[in-house]
Amino acid sequence: MRFLADENCDFAVIRALRDANHDVSAVKDELPGGSDQAVIALAIEESRVVLTEDKDFGQLAFASSASPSGVILMRFPATARAAMAETVRQFIEQNAEKIAGNFAVVQPGRARIVRMS
């Protein structure tokens, strides 16, 4: 699966997904300082699912006339961040066929997927 990690995406998540042979591109490398709209546009152009901790991507993804290949919003408090990378990796591996074109929220102990279209 192809991903675009937003600038606020924890590098441990990027590393865990790369170690699991996922194609993960980082905004820090591709589009440093780019606006959220520019990140969405890049994700659409490259057919990538956005990985983010920024809640604004939910509104952008649903409001955009051209939605990205999917968005995964990670919501982990400081007390649970150590488990975030592994939790996100497992979520992706267990739900790969459901992620494309949808909006997912992954939190400690729960996850949900909402259809964007």
PDB file of N, CA and C in Angstrom:
ATOM      1  N   MET A   1       0.839  -1.172   0.000  1.00  0.00           N
ATOM      2  CA  MET A   1       0.000   0.000   0.000  1.00  0.00           C
ATOM      3  C   MET A   1       0.890   1.244   0.000  1.00  0.00           C
ATOM      4  N   ARG A   2       0.401   2.299  -0.622  1.00  0.00           N
ATOM      5  CA  ARG A   2       1.174   3.544  -0.736  1.00  0.00           C
ATOM      6  C   ARG A   2       0.617   4.598   0.221  1.00  0.00           C
ATOM      7  N   PHE A   3       1.523   5.243   0.965  1.00  0.00           N
ATOM      8  CA  PHE A   3       1.137   6.230   1.964  1.00  0.00           C
ATOM      9  C   PHE A   3       1.918   7.522   1.784  1.00  0.00           C
ATOM     10  N   LEU A   4       1.308   8.621   2.248  1.00  0.00           N
ATOM     11  CA  LEU A   4       1.965   9.917   2.335  1.00  0.00           C
ATOM     12  C   LEU A   4       1.847  10.356   3.784  1.00  0.00           C
ATOM     13  N   ALA A   5       2.969  10.378   4.492  1.00  0.00           N
ATOM     14  CA  ALA A   5       2.992  10.755   5.904  1.00  0.00           C
ATOM     15  C   ALA A   5       3.070  12.266   6.028  1.00  0.00           C
ATOM     16  N   ASP A   6       2.052  12.848   6.665  1.00  0.00           N
ATOM     17  CA  ASP A   6       2.019  14.283   6.920  1.00  0.00           C
ATOM     18  C   ASP A   6       3.203  14.653   7.815  1.00  0.00           C
ATOM     19  N   GLU A   7       3.541  15.943   7.844  1.00  0.00           N
ATOM     20  CA  GLU A   7       4.691  16.385   8.634  1.00  0.00           C
ATOM     21  C   GLU A   7       4.564  16.060  10.115  1.00  0.00           C
ATOM     22  N   ASN A   8       3.360  15.964  10.622  1.00  0.00           N
ATOM     23  CA  ASN A   8       3.203  15.673  12.039  1.00  0.00           C
ATOM     24  C   ASN A   8       3.134  14.174  12.344  1.00  0.00           C
ATOM     25  N   CYS A   9       3.277  13.340  11.336  1.00  0.00           N
ATOM     26  CA  CYS A   9       3.245  11.890  11.537  1.00  0.00           C
ATOM     27  C   CYS A   9       4.518  11.442  12.251  1.00  0.00           C
ATOM     28  N   ASP A  10       4.352  10.729  13.332  1.00  0.00           N
ATOM     29  CA  ASP A  10       5.477  10.228  14.121  1.00  0.00           C
ATOM     30  C   ASP A  10       6.361   9.336  13.247  1.00  0.00           C
ATOM     31  N   PHE A  11       7.677   9.558  13.282  1.00  0.00           N
ATOM     32  CA  PHE A  11       8.577   8.781  12.427  1.00  0.00           C
ATOM     33  C   PHE A  11       8.540   7.291  12.752  1.00  0.00           C
ATOM     34  N   ALA A  12       8.187   6.932  13.977  1.00  0.00           N
ATOM     35  CA  ALA A  12       8.083   5.511  14.330  1.00  0.00           C
ATOM     36  C   ALA A  12       7.025   4.814  13.469  1.00  0.00           C
ATOM     37  N   VAL A  13       5.960   5.524  13.126  1.00  0.00           N
ATOM     38  CA  VAL A  13       4.916   4.962  12.255  1.00  0.00           C
ATOM     39  C   VAL A  13       5.484   4.765  10.851  1.00  0.00           C
ATOM     40  N   ILE A  14       6.185   5.761  10.353  1.00  0.00           N
ATOM     41  CA  ILE A  14       6.800   5.662   9.016  1.00  0.00           C
ATOM     42  C   ILE A  14       7.754   4.469   8.966  1.00  0.00           C
ATOM     43  N   ARG A  15       8.609   4.368   9.960  1.00  0.00           N
ATOM     44  CA  ARG A  15       9.582   3.275  10.004  1.00  0.00           C
ATOM     45  C   ARG A  15       8.892   1.912  10.079  1.00  0.00           C
ATOM     46  N   ALA A  16       7.867   1.785  10.919  1.00  0.00           N
ATOM     47  CA  ALA A  16       7.162   0.508  11.057  1.00  0.00           C
ATOM     48  C   ALA A  16       6.513   0.085   9.750  1.00  0.00           C
ATOM     49  N   LEU A  17       5.925   1.046   9.045  1.00  0.00           N
ATOM     50  CA  LEU A  17       5.288   0.710   7.771  1.00  0.00           C
ATOM     51  C   LEU A  17       6.310   0.391   6.690  1.00  0.00           C
ATOM     52  N   ARG A  18       7.402   1.129   6.663  1.00  0.00           N
ATOM     53  CA  ARG A  18       8.470   0.812   5.701  1.00  0.00           C
ATOM     54  C   ARG A  18       9.060  -0.558   5.991  1.00  0.00           C
ATOM     55  N   ASP A  19       9.245  -0.880   7.259  1.00  0.00           N
ATOM     56  CA  ASP A  19       9.763  -2.200   7.634  1.00  0.00           C
ATOM     57  C   ASP A  19       8.813  -3.318   7.218  1.00  0.00           C
ATOM     58  N   ALA A  20       7.522  -2.992   7.119  1.00  0.00           N
ATOM     59  CA  ALA A  20       6.518  -3.968   6.682  1.00  0.00           C
ATOM     60  C   ALA A  20       6.330  -3.921   5.160  1.00  0.00           C
ATOM     61  N   ASN A  21       7.268  -3.287   4.460  1.00  0.00           N
ATOM     62  CA  ASN A  21       7.295  -3.217   2.989  1.00  0.00           C
ATOM     63  C   ASN A  21       6.194  -2.370   2.363  1.00  0.00           C
ATOM     64  N   HIS A  22       5.708  -1.372   3.097  1.00  0.00           N
ATOM     65  CA  HIS A  22       4.770  -0.413   2.513  1.00  0.00           C
ATOM     66  C   HIS A  22       5.584   0.736   1.918  1.00  0.00           C
ATOM     67  N   ASP A  23       5.052   1.334   0.879  1.00  0.00           N
ATOM     68  CA  ASP A  23       5.679   2.475   0.216  1.00  0.00           C
ATOM     69  C   ASP A  23       5.213   3.736   0.944  1.00  0.00           C
ATOM     70  N   VAL A  24       6.093   4.330   1.745  1.00  0.00           N
ATOM     71  CA  VAL A  24       5.736   5.507   2.540  1.00  0.00           C
ATOM     72  C   VAL A  24       6.609   6.684   2.130  1.00  0.00           C
ATOM     73  N   SER A  25       5.950   7.711   1.612  1.00  0.00           N
ATOM     74  CA  SER A  25       6.608   8.952   1.250  1.00  0.00           C
ATOM     75  C   SER A  25       6.310   9.947   2.368  1.00  0.00           C
ATOM     76  N   ALA A  26       7.267  10.808   2.696  1.00  0.00           N
ATOM     77  CA  ALA A  26       7.083  11.757   3.792  1.00  0.00           C
ATOM     78  C   ALA A  26       6.977  13.184   3.272  1.00  0.00           C
ATOM     79  N   VAL A  27       5.985  13.915   3.757  1.00  0.00           N
ATOM     80  CA  VAL A  27       5.809  15.318   3.384  1.00  0.00           C
ATOM     81  C   VAL A  27       7.065  16.104   3.749  1.00  0.00           C
ATOM     82  N   LYS A  28       7.718  15.752   4.848  1.00  0.00           N
ATOM     83  CA  LYS A  28       8.948  16.444   5.261  1.00  0.00           C
ATOM     84  C   LYS A  28      10.000  16.420   4.156  1.00  0.00           C
ATOM     85  N   ASP A  29       9.993  15.365   3.354  1.00  0.00           N
ATOM     86  CA  ASP A  29      10.960  15.227   2.263  1.00  0.00           C
ATOM     87  C   ASP A  29      10.422  15.771   0.940  1.00  0.00           C
ATOM     88  N   GLU A  30       9.133  15.546   0.681  1.00  0.00           N
ATOM     89  CA  GLU A  30       8.531  15.867  -0.610  1.00  0.00           C
ATOM     90  C   GLU A  30       8.005  17.297  -0.723  1.00  0.00           C
ATOM     91  N   LEU A  31       7.446  17.816   0.389  1.00  0.00           N
ATOM     92  CA  LEU A  31       6.740  19.091   0.332  1.00  0.00           C
ATOM     93  C   LEU A  31       6.834  19.804   1.686  1.00  0.00           C
ATOM     94  N   PRO A  32       8.061  20.043   2.176  1.00  0.00           N
ATOM     95  CA  PRO A  32       8.196  20.620   3.517  1.00  0.00           C
ATOM     96  C   PRO A  32       7.478  21.959   3.642  1.00  0.00           C
ATOM     97  N   GLY A  33       6.709  22.080   4.721  1.00  0.00           N
ATOM     98  CA  GLY A  33       5.983  23.327   4.965  1.00  0.00           C
ATOM     99  C   GLY A  33       4.749  23.511   4.106  1.00  0.00           C
ATOM    100  N   GLY A  34       4.391  22.503   3.315  1.00  0.00           N
ATOM    101  CA  GLY A  34       3.233  22.614   2.424  1.00  0.00           C
ATOM    102  C   GLY A  34       1.932  22.687   3.206  1.00  0.00           C
ATOM    103  N   SER A  35       0.964  23.376   2.633  1.00  0.00           N
ATOM    104  CA  SER A  35      -0.356  23.494   3.260  1.00  0.00           C
ATOM    105  C   SER A  35      -1.059  22.136   3.251  1.00  0.00           C
ATOM    106  N   ASP A  36      -2.093  22.024   4.080  1.00  0.00           N
ATOM    107  CA  ASP A  36      -2.875  20.785   4.106  1.00  0.00           C
ATOM    108  C   ASP A  36      -3.489  20.506   2.737  1.00  0.00           C
ATOM    109  N   GLN A  37      -3.941  21.553   2.046  1.00  0.00           N
ATOM    110  CA  GLN A  37      -4.513  21.377   0.709  1.00  0.00           C
ATOM    111  C   GLN A  37      -3.459  20.847  -0.267  1.00  0.00           C
ATOM    112  N   ALA A  38      -2.218  21.328  -0.132  1.00  0.00           N
ATOM    113  CA  ALA A  38      -1.138  20.847  -1.000  1.00  0.00           C
ATOM    114  C   ALA A  38      -0.821  19.383  -0.710  1.00  0.00           C
ATOM    115  N   VAL A  39      -0.909  18.996   0.554  1.00  0.00           N
ATOM    116  CA  VAL A  39      -0.673  17.597   0.935  1.00  0.00           C
ATOM    117  C   VAL A  39      -1.755  16.709   0.325  1.00  0.00           C
ATOM    118  N   ILE A  40      -3.007  17.141   0.426  1.00  0.00           N
ATOM    119  CA  ILE A  40      -4.118  16.379  -0.186  1.00  0.00           C
ATOM    120  C   ILE A  40      -3.892  16.263  -1.694  1.00  0.00           C
ATOM    121  N   ALA A  41      -3.510  17.360  -2.336  1.00  0.00           N
ATOM    122  CA  ALA A  41      -3.280  17.345  -3.786  1.00  0.00           C
ATOM    123  C   ALA A  41      -2.160  16.370  -4.150  1.00  0.00           C
ATOM    124  N   LEU A  42      -1.076  16.358  -3.360  1.00  0.00           N
ATOM    125  CA  LEU A  42       0.022  15.436  -3.624  1.00  0.00           C
ATOM    126  C   LEU A  42      -0.424  13.986  -3.433  1.00  0.00           C
ATOM    127  N   ALA A  43      -1.207  13.739  -2.401  1.00  0.00           N
ATOM    128  CA  ALA A  43      -1.709  12.381  -2.159  1.00  0.00           C
ATOM    129  C   ALA A  43      -2.577  11.906  -3.322  1.00  0.00           C
ATOM    130  N   ILE A  44      -3.408  12.799  -3.839  1.00  0.00           N
ATOM    131  CA  ILE A  44      -4.257  12.457  -4.987  1.00  0.00           C
ATOM    132  C   ILE A  44      -3.392  12.179  -6.208  1.00  0.00           C
ATOM    133  N   GLU A  45      -2.434  13.073  -6.462  1.00  0.00           N
ATOM    134  CA  GLU A  45      -1.550  12.936  -7.633  1.00  0.00           C
ATOM    135  C   GLU A  45      -0.778  11.620  -7.606  1.00  0.00           C
ATOM    136  N   GLU A  46      -0.344  11.205  -6.410  1.00  0.00           N
ATOM    137  CA  GLU A  46       0.485  10.000  -6.288  1.00  0.00           C
ATOM    138  C   GLU A  46      -0.304   8.766  -5.837  1.00  0.00           C
ATOM    139  N   SER A  47      -1.620   8.890  -5.740  1.00  0.00           N
ATOM    140  CA  SER A  47      -2.481   7.784  -5.293  1.00  0.00           C
ATOM    141  C   SER A  47      -2.002   7.189  -3.968  1.00  0.00           C
ATOM    142  N   ARG A  48      -1.881   8.080  -2.968  1.00  0.00           N
ATOM    143  CA  ARG A  48      -1.411   7.662  -1.655  1.00  0.00           C
ATOM    144  C   ARG A  48      -2.459   7.938  -0.581  1.00  0.00           C
ATOM    145  N   VAL A  49      -2.467   7.111   0.436  1.00  0.00           N
ATOM    146  CA  VAL A  49      -3.304   7.312   1.612  1.00  0.00           C
ATOM    147  C   VAL A  49      -2.539   8.234   2.556  1.00  0.00           C
ATOM    148  N   VAL A  50      -3.199   9.277   3.053  1.00  0.00           N
ATOM    149  CA  VAL A  50      -2.560  10.235   3.955  1.00  0.00           C
ATOM    150  C   VAL A  50      -2.539   9.670   5.377  1.00  0.00           C
ATOM    151  N   LEU A  51      -1.377   9.736   6.006  1.00  0.00           N
ATOM    152  CA  LEU A  51      -1.206   9.392   7.422  1.00  0.00           C
ATOM    153  C   LEU A  51      -1.026  10.700   8.170  1.00  0.00           C
ATOM    154  N   THR A  52      -1.864  10.968   9.156  1.00  0.00           N
ATOM    155  CA  THR A  52      -1.788  12.256   9.832  1.00  0.00           C
ATOM    156  C   THR A  52      -2.253  12.173  11.277  1.00  0.00           C
ATOM    157  N   GLU A  53      -1.854  13.180  12.040  1.00  0.00           N
ATOM    158  CA  GLU A  53      -2.379  13.375  13.386  1.00  0.00           C
ATOM    159  C   GLU A  53      -3.161  14.685  13.447  1.00  0.00           C
ATOM    160  N   ASP A  54      -3.395  15.287  12.299  1.00  0.00           N
ATOM    161  CA  ASP A  54      -4.075  16.572  12.174  1.00  0.00           C
ATOM    162  C   ASP A  54      -5.558  16.353  11.861  1.00  0.00           C
ATOM    163  N   LYS A  55      -6.425  16.706  12.806  1.00  0.00           N
ATOM    164  CA  LYS A  55      -7.871  16.503  12.642  1.00  0.00           C
ATOM    165  C   LYS A  55      -8.450  17.289  11.470  1.00  0.00           C
ATOM    166  N   ASP A  56      -7.781  18.347  11.039  1.00  0.00           N
ATOM    167  CA  ASP A  56      -8.272  19.145   9.905  1.00  0.00           C
ATOM    168  C   ASP A  56      -8.386  18.321   8.622  1.00  0.00           C
ATOM    169  N   PHE A  57      -7.633  17.251   8.511  1.00  0.00           N
ATOM    170  CA  PHE A  57      -7.677  16.447   7.292  1.00  0.00           C
ATOM    171  C   PHE A  57      -9.025  15.772   7.111  1.00  0.00           C
ATOM    172  N   GLY A  58      -9.762  15.552   8.191  1.00  0.00           N
ATOM    173  CA  GLY A  58     -11.093  14.981   8.065  1.00  0.00           C
ATOM    174  C   GLY A  58     -11.995  15.908   7.285  1.00  0.00           C
ATOM    175  N   GLN A  59     -12.047  17.145   7.690  1.00  0.00           N
ATOM    176  CA  GLN A  59     -12.878  18.131   7.011  1.00  0.00           C
ATOM    177  C   GLN A  59     -12.413  18.329   5.568  1.00  0.00           C
ATOM    178  N   LEU A  60     -11.106  18.423   5.379  1.00  0.00           N
ATOM    179  CA  LEU A  60     -10.575  18.623   4.018  1.00  0.00           C
ATOM    180  C   LEU A  60     -10.906  17.448   3.106  1.00  0.00           C
ATOM    181  N   ALA A  61     -10.767  16.241   3.614  1.00  0.00           N
ATOM    182  CA  ALA A  61     -11.009  15.057   2.792  1.00  0.00           C
ATOM    183  C   ALA A  61     -12.474  14.958   2.380  1.00  0.00           C
ATOM    184  N   PHE A  62     -13.372  15.274   3.301  1.00  0.00           N
ATOM    185  CA  PHE A  62     -14.801  15.177   2.984  1.00  0.00           C
ATOM    186  C   PHE A  62     -15.279  16.345   2.135  1.00  0.00           C
ATOM    187  N   ALA A  63     -14.656  17.522   2.289  1.00  0.00           N
ATOM    188  CA  ALA A  63     -15.087  18.712   1.559  1.00  0.00           C
ATOM    189  C   ALA A  63     -14.476  18.809   0.168  1.00  0.00           C
ATOM    190  N   SER A  64     -13.367  18.130  -0.048  1.00  0.00           N
ATOM    191  CA  SER A  64     -12.655  18.221  -1.323  1.00  0.00           C
ATOM    192  C   SER A  64     -13.467  17.595  -2.451  1.00  0.00           C
ATOM    193  N   SER A  65     -13.492  18.251  -3.602  1.00  0.00           N
ATOM    194  CA  SER A  65     -14.199  17.684  -4.749  1.00  0.00           C
ATOM    195  C   SER A  65     -13.475  16.441  -5.266  1.00  0.00           C
ATOM    196  N   ALA A  66     -12.174  16.427  -5.127  1.00  0.00           N
ATOM    197  CA  ALA A  66     -11.378  15.246  -5.472  1.00  0.00           C
ATOM    198  C   ALA A  66     -10.764  14.738  -4.174  1.00  0.00           C
ATOM    199  N   SER A  67     -11.248  13.627  -3.677  1.00  0.00           N
ATOM    200  CA  SER A  67     -10.755  13.147  -2.391  1.00  0.00           C
ATOM    201  C   SER A  67      -9.524  12.265  -2.578  1.00  0.00           C
ATOM    202  N   PRO A  68      -8.680  12.223  -1.560  1.00  0.00           N
ATOM    203  CA  PRO A  68      -7.474  11.405  -1.646  1.00  0.00           C
ATOM    204  C   PRO A  68      -7.803   9.920  -1.650  1.00  0.00           C
ATOM    205  N   SER A  69      -6.798   9.109  -1.822  1.00  0.00           N
ATOM    206  CA  SER A  69      -6.982   7.659  -1.843  1.00  0.00           C
ATOM    207  C   SER A  69      -7.397   7.124  -0.480  1.00  0.00           C
ATOM    208  N   GLY A  70      -7.399   7.982   0.496  1.00  0.00           N
ATOM    209  CA  GLY A  70      -7.795   7.608   1.850  1.00  0.00           C
ATOM    210  C   GLY A  70      -7.021   8.447   2.847  1.00  0.00           C
ATOM    211  N   VAL A  71      -7.533   8.482   4.065  1.00  0.00           N
ATOM    212  CA  VAL A  71      -6.873   9.205   5.148  1.00  0.00           C
ATOM    213  C   VAL A  71      -6.916   8.324   6.386  1.00  0.00           C
ATOM    214  N   ILE A  72      -5.791   8.241   7.089  1.00  0.00           N
ATOM    215  CA  ILE A  72      -5.751   7.582   8.390  1.00  0.00           C
ATOM    216  C   ILE A  72      -5.350   8.637   9.401  1.00  0.00           C
ATOM    217  N   LEU A  73      -6.280   8.954  10.298  1.00  0.00           N
ATOM    218  CA  LEU A  73      -6.047   9.911  11.376  1.00  0.00           C
ATOM    219  C   LEU A  73      -5.674   9.127  12.630  1.00  0.00           C
ATOM    220  N   MET A  74      -4.498   9.431  13.174  1.00  0.00           N
ATOM    221  CA  MET A  74      -4.014   8.750  14.374  1.00  0.00           C
ATOM    222  C   MET A  74      -4.230   9.662  15.570  1.00  0.00           C
ATOM    223  N   ARG A  75      -4.947   9.164  16.577  1.00  0.00           N
ATOM    224  CA  ARG A  75      -5.260   9.958  17.768  1.00  0.00           C
ATOM    225  C   ARG A  75      -4.756   9.198  18.995  1.00  0.00           C
ATOM    226  N   PHE A  76      -3.536   9.478  19.377  1.00  0.00           N
ATOM    227  CA  PHE A  76      -2.917   8.793  20.509  1.00  0.00           C
ATOM    228  C   PHE A  76      -2.433   9.816  21.529  1.00  0.00           C
ATOM    229  N   PRO A  77      -2.926   9.723  22.773  1.00  0.00           N
ATOM    230  CA  PRO A  77      -2.425  10.632  23.805  1.00  0.00           C
ATOM    231  C   PRO A  77      -0.979  10.286  24.157  1.00  0.00           C
ATOM    232  N   ALA A  78      -0.304  11.199  24.816  1.00  0.00           N
ATOM    233  CA  ALA A  78       1.108  10.999  25.172  1.00  0.00           C
ATOM    234  C   ALA A  78       1.326   9.687  25.920  1.00  0.00           C
ATOM    235  N   THR A  79       0.376   9.283  26.744  1.00  0.00           N
ATOM    236  CA  THR A  79       0.526   8.062  27.540  1.00  0.00           C
ATOM    237  C   THR A  79       0.450   6.788  26.708  1.00  0.00           C
ATOM    238  N   ALA A  80      -0.009   6.869  25.468  1.00  0.00           N
ATOM    239  CA  ALA A  80      -0.163   5.680  24.624  1.00  0.00           C
ATOM    240  C   ALA A  80       0.694   5.715  23.367  1.00  0.00           C
ATOM    241  N   ARG A  81       1.512   6.732  23.208  1.00  0.00           N
ATOM    242  CA  ARG A  81       2.276   6.900  21.962  1.00  0.00           C
ATOM    243  C   ARG A  81       3.271   5.771  21.694  1.00  0.00           C
ATOM    244  N   ALA A  82       3.751   5.123  22.715  1.00  0.00           N
ATOM    245  CA  ALA A  82       4.720   4.039  22.512  1.00  0.00           C
ATOM    246  C   ALA A  82       4.114   2.903  21.684  1.00  0.00           C
ATOM    247  N   ALA A  83       2.811   2.734  21.752  1.00  0.00           N
ATOM    248  CA  ALA A  83       2.145   1.649  21.022  1.00  0.00           C
ATOM    249  C   ALA A  83       1.613   2.090  19.660  1.00  0.00           C
ATOM    250  N   MET A  84       1.736   3.360  19.322  1.00  0.00           N
ATOM    251  CA  MET A  84       1.106   3.884  18.115  1.00  0.00           C
ATOM    252  C   MET A  84       1.593   3.204  16.838  1.00  0.00           C
ATOM    253  N   ALA A  85       2.874   3.102  16.628  1.00  0.00           N
ATOM    254  CA  ALA A  85       3.399   2.556  15.371  1.00  0.00           C
ATOM    255  C   ALA A  85       2.906   1.129  15.136  1.00  0.00           C
ATOM    256  N   GLU A  86       2.987   0.305  16.139  1.00  0.00           N
ATOM    257  CA  GLU A  86       2.551  -1.088  15.998  1.00  0.00           C
ATOM    258  C   GLU A  86       1.033  -1.177  15.822  1.00  0.00           C
ATOM    259  N   THR A  87       0.293  -0.349  16.532  1.00  0.00           N
ATOM    260  CA  THR A  87      -1.168  -0.350  16.408  1.00  0.00           C
ATOM    261  C   THR A  87      -1.589   0.057  15.004  1.00  0.00           C
ATOM    262  N   VAL A  88      -0.965   1.094  14.462  1.00  0.00           N
ATOM    263  CA  VAL A  88      -1.295   1.557  13.110  1.00  0.00           C
ATOM    264  C   VAL A  88      -0.905   0.503  12.080  1.00  0.00           C
ATOM    265  N   ARG A  89       0.254  -0.094  12.234  1.00  0.00           N
ATOM    266  CA  ARG A  89       0.692  -1.146  11.296  1.00  0.00           C
ATOM    267  C   ARG A  89      -0.300  -2.311  11.294  1.00  0.00           C
ATOM    268  N   GLN A  90      -0.695  -2.755  12.470  1.00  0.00           N
ATOM    269  CA  GLN A  90      -1.653  -3.862  12.562  1.00  0.00           C
ATOM    270  C   GLN A  90      -3.003  -3.486  11.957  1.00  0.00           C
ATOM    271  N   PHE A  91      -3.454  -2.275  12.233  1.00  0.00           N
ATOM    272  CA  PHE A  91      -4.720  -1.805  11.670  1.00  0.00           C
ATOM    273  C   PHE A  91      -4.674  -1.858  10.147  1.00  0.00           C
ATOM    274  N   ILE A  92      -3.590  -1.371   9.569  1.00  0.00           N
ATOM    275  CA  ILE A  92      -3.458  -1.352   8.108  1.00  0.00           C
ATOM    276  C   ILE A  92      -3.439  -2.770   7.557  1.00  0.00           C
ATOM    277  N   GLU A  93      -2.694  -3.641   8.178  1.00  0.00           N
ATOM    278  CA  GLU A  93      -2.609  -5.010   7.674  1.00  0.00           C
ATOM    279  C   GLU A  93      -3.942  -5.749   7.797  1.00  0.00           C
ATOM    280  N   GLN A  94      -4.716  -5.441   8.821  1.00  0.00           N
ATOM    281  CA  GLN A  94      -6.002  -6.121   9.015  1.00  0.00           C
ATOM    282  C   GLN A  94      -7.127  -5.502   8.189  1.00  0.00           C
ATOM    283  N   ASN A  95      -6.946  -4.269   7.729  1.00  0.00           N
ATOM    284  CA  ASN A  95      -8.023  -3.553   7.038  1.00  0.00           C
ATOM    285  C   ASN A  95      -7.613  -3.001   5.682  1.00  0.00           C
ATOM    286  N   ALA A  96      -6.576  -3.510   5.088  1.00  0.00           N
ATOM    287  CA  ALA A  96      -6.026  -2.952   3.847  1.00  0.00           C
ATOM    288  C   ALA A  96      -7.085  -2.761   2.766  1.00  0.00           C
ATOM    289  N   GLU A  97      -7.973  -3.712   2.590  1.00  0.00           N
ATOM    290  CA  GLU A  97      -8.976  -3.616   1.528  1.00  0.00           C
ATOM    291  C   GLU A  97     -10.063  -2.598   1.835  1.00  0.00           C
ATOM    292  N   LYS A  98     -10.185  -2.159   3.079  1.00  0.00           N
ATOM    293  CA  LYS A  98     -11.230  -1.206   3.470  1.00  0.00           C
ATOM    294  C   LYS A  98     -10.727   0.235   3.524  1.00  0.00           C
ATOM    295  N   ILE A  99      -9.421   0.437   3.517  1.00  0.00           N
ATOM    296  CA  ILE A  99      -8.840   1.769   3.717  1.00  0.00           C
ATOM    297  C   ILE A  99      -8.955   2.648   2.473  1.00  0.00           C
ATOM    298  N   ALA A 100      -8.719   2.073   1.321  1.00  0.00           N
ATOM    299  CA  ALA A 100      -8.689   2.851   0.077  1.00  0.00           C
ATOM    300  C   ALA A 100      -9.970   3.657  -0.110  1.00  0.00           C
ATOM    301  N   GLY A 101      -9.810   4.972  -0.286  1.00  0.00           N
ATOM    302  CA  GLY A 101     -10.932   5.850  -0.538  1.00  0.00           C
ATOM    303  C   GLY A 101     -11.771   6.199   0.681  1.00  0.00           C
ATOM    304  N   ASN A 102     -11.333   5.780   1.847  1.00  0.00           N
ATOM    305  CA  ASN A 102     -12.100   6.016   3.063  1.00  0.00           C
ATOM    306  C   ASN A 102     -11.299   6.794   4.095  1.00  0.00           C
ATOM    307  N   PHE A 103     -11.984   7.189   5.160  1.00  0.00           N
ATOM    308  CA  PHE A 103     -11.381   7.940   6.258  1.00  0.00           C
ATOM    309  C   PHE A 103     -11.377   7.043   7.487  1.00  0.00           C
ATOM    310  N   ALA A 104     -10.195   6.806   8.029  1.00  0.00           N
ATOM    311  CA  ALA A 104     -10.073   5.934   9.205  1.00  0.00           C
ATOM    312  C   ALA A 104      -9.512   6.722  10.378  1.00  0.00           C
ATOM    313  N   VAL A 105     -10.000   6.404  11.556  1.00  0.00           N
ATOM    314  CA  VAL A 105      -9.482   6.983  12.791  1.00  0.00           C
ATOM    315  C   VAL A 105      -8.980   5.821  13.636  1.00  0.00           C
ATOM    316  N   VAL A 106      -7.703   5.903  14.011  1.00  0.00           N
ATOM    317  CA  VAL A 106      -7.093   4.857  14.825  1.00  0.00           C
ATOM    318  C   VAL A 106      -6.715   5.459  16.163  1.00  0.00           C
ATOM    319  N   GLN A 107      -7.217   4.849  17.226  1.00  0.00           N
ATOM    320  CA  GLN A 107      -6.956   5.286  18.590  1.00  0.00           C
ATOM    321  C   GLN A 107      -6.552   4.070  19.408  1.00  0.00           C
ATOM    322  N   PRO A 108      -5.992   4.278  20.598  1.00  0.00           N
ATOM    323  CA  PRO A 108      -5.668   3.124  21.437  1.00  0.00           C
ATOM    324  C   PRO A 108      -6.940   2.316  21.733  1.00  0.00           C
ATOM    325  N   GLY A 109      -6.915   1.060  21.373  1.00  0.00           N
ATOM    326  CA  GLY A 109      -8.029   0.174  21.683  1.00  0.00           C
ATOM    327  C   GLY A 109      -9.233   0.241  20.762  1.00  0.00           C
ATOM    328  N   ARG A 110      -9.209   1.125  19.756  1.00  0.00           N
ATOM    329  CA  ARG A 110     -10.342   1.173  18.835  1.00  0.00           C
ATOM    330  C   ARG A 110      -9.975   1.865  17.519  1.00  0.00           C
ATOM    331  N   ALA A 111     -10.748   1.535  16.509  1.00  0.00           N
ATOM    332  CA  ALA A 111     -10.564   2.151  15.191  1.00  0.00           C
ATOM    333  C   ALA A 111     -11.899   2.128  14.475  1.00  0.00           C
ATOM    334  N   ARG A 112     -12.080   3.088  13.586  1.00  0.00           N
ATOM    335  CA  ARG A 112     -13.298   3.099  12.775  1.00  0.00           C
ATOM    336  C   ARG A 112     -12.954   3.585  11.368  1.00  0.00           C
ATOM    337  N   ILE A 113     -13.741   3.144  10.434  1.00  0.00           N
ATOM    338  CA  ILE A 113     -13.561   3.526   9.036  1.00  0.00           C
ATOM    339  C   ILE A 113     -14.875   4.115   8.543  1.00  0.00           C
ATOM    340  N   VAL A 114     -14.787   5.312   7.938  1.00  0.00           N
ATOM    341  CA  VAL A 114     -15.968   6.004   7.424  1.00  0.00           C
ATOM    342  C   VAL A 114     -15.792   6.182   5.918  1.00  0.00           C
ATOM    343  N   ARG A 115     -16.819   5.906   5.182  1.00  0.00           N
ATOM    344  CA  ARG A 115     -16.792   6.066   3.727  1.00  0.00           C
ATOM    345  C   ARG A 115     -16.768   7.548   3.367  1.00  0.00           C
ATOM    346  N   MET A 116     -15.839   7.954   2.506  1.00  0.00           N
ATOM    347  CA  MET A 116     -15.738   9.366   2.103  1.00  0.00           C
ATOM    348  C   MET A 116     -16.635   9.696   0.916  1.00  0.00           C
ATOM    349  N   SER A 117     -17.005   8.713   0.139  1.00  0.00           N
ATOM    350  CA  SER A 117     -17.832   9.017  -1.044  1.00  0.00           C
ATOM    351  C   SER A 117     -19.153   8.318  -0.987  1.00  0.00           C
TER     352      SER A 117
END
